[in-house]
Amino acid sequence: MSLAPHAVRVETARGRYHPEPESSSRSPWQRDRDRIIHSSAFRKLQYKTQVFVNHEGDFYRTRLTHSIEVAQIARSLARALHLDEDLTEALALAHDLGHPPFGHAGEEALNIAMRPYGGFDHNAQSLRVVTVLENRYASFDGLNLTWETLEGLAKHNGPLPKPPAYIAEYDGRHRLELGTHASAEAQVAALSDDIAYHSHDLDDGLRAHLFTIEDLRHLPLVRDALAEAARASLDVPPARLRHEMIRRVIDAMINDVIAETGRRIAKLEPADVQAIRRAKKPVVAFSLPMAEANRAIKDFLVSRMYRHWRVNRMTQKARVLLEEVFRLLARDTSLLREDWRARAGEGGTPRAAHVVCDYIAGMTDRYAVDEHRRLTDITIAG
């Protein structure tokens, strides 16, 4: 497939922070993708859930299944838009590496705990994972990903005039041009996250009986998808109707992105990837009607799923659990395993807080529950 003029290109790639010989059989972004897949942080996504906690059911989406779904959507979009599929896929697979256990509840707990030290941001933590915390290579910390992948992780949601602390720190030694947009490939990965997130949370919410299909009929995009699914699938069981609806929602969003992005590219006429970075607004986007339809889905999910009393109860328990684990470990680092204790130093210091934050952010749901039990249940040996 021929690449668009504004796609990233191997011949103009900016390399890696730590120079390495190029591969004779893989592009730089194929290597990035493979390093991400083989990382321990990626494997842990299997036991990190998005809305539901790990033990609530094995059919709800985890961060791993979500990341794979995002990558599938992103790769399809990249192919249709003549962008580099491998960079797009690498960014889609890496975008959630920094998420702590228990989804948004975990992020809120760590953000509160780290407020005196700059807060917690999962995008910054993703960058931290791939530049510092993964320890697989003899010559450097992190995964030593390409500049283009690091740029996409840092600013896939747009320019960062006020970057989170770690992104600003990293940019001080390895400039990522934080004041500009990321590549079109990174923009595709970001929008694919939205498409997967909202459509699949509708699916999980229906599975969990937090709402019914009838509750969705007022949402324009979903209403149309339901009507099409019903016409094509007369008298099918509700579960199949749900699947037919969800795939039509995804298909409508993807087709809209392709059409709207084509319009924006035609207007901008970018000669290269730098023109994409310097553009005044993203080139990969929903049309205005689709953006409004997507916002309606998000608002519905916030009110009927993310703030459902069943979810609220689990969110509260998860938040309290992580806050207590953080407080105990940051105050007394002698409770940490030896390798983490050596990094943390004395308890009650900013250094200890940052190390404990890294430790907790890397936990799975199950490990966080077990660690809390080990720290608080006097009948269990440490």
Foldseek 3Di string as FASTA:
>chain_A
DAADLAADDQVPFPAFPDHDDDDPPDGLLLLLQVLLCPFPLLVLQQQAAAQDHRVPDNPHDTSNVLLVQLLVLLLVLCVLNRHDSSLLSSLSSLQQSQFFHNHPLLQVLQQVLCVVPQGDDSLLSSLCQQQAVTDDDDPHHHVRGTLLSSLLSQALVFACPPGGDNVVVVCVPPNSPRRWHHFLSSVSSVVSSLLSVLLSLVVVCCVVPLDHLVVCCVQVLLVVQLVVLCVVDPPDPPNVSSVSSSVSSSVVQSVQQSVQLVVLCVVQVDSYNVSQGHDPDHSGDGDPVVVVSSVVSVVCCVVRPCPRPVSVVVSVVVSVLSNVQLVVCQQQVVPPDPVLSVQQDHHPDSSVSVSVSSVRSSHRSVVSVVSSCCVPPPVDDD
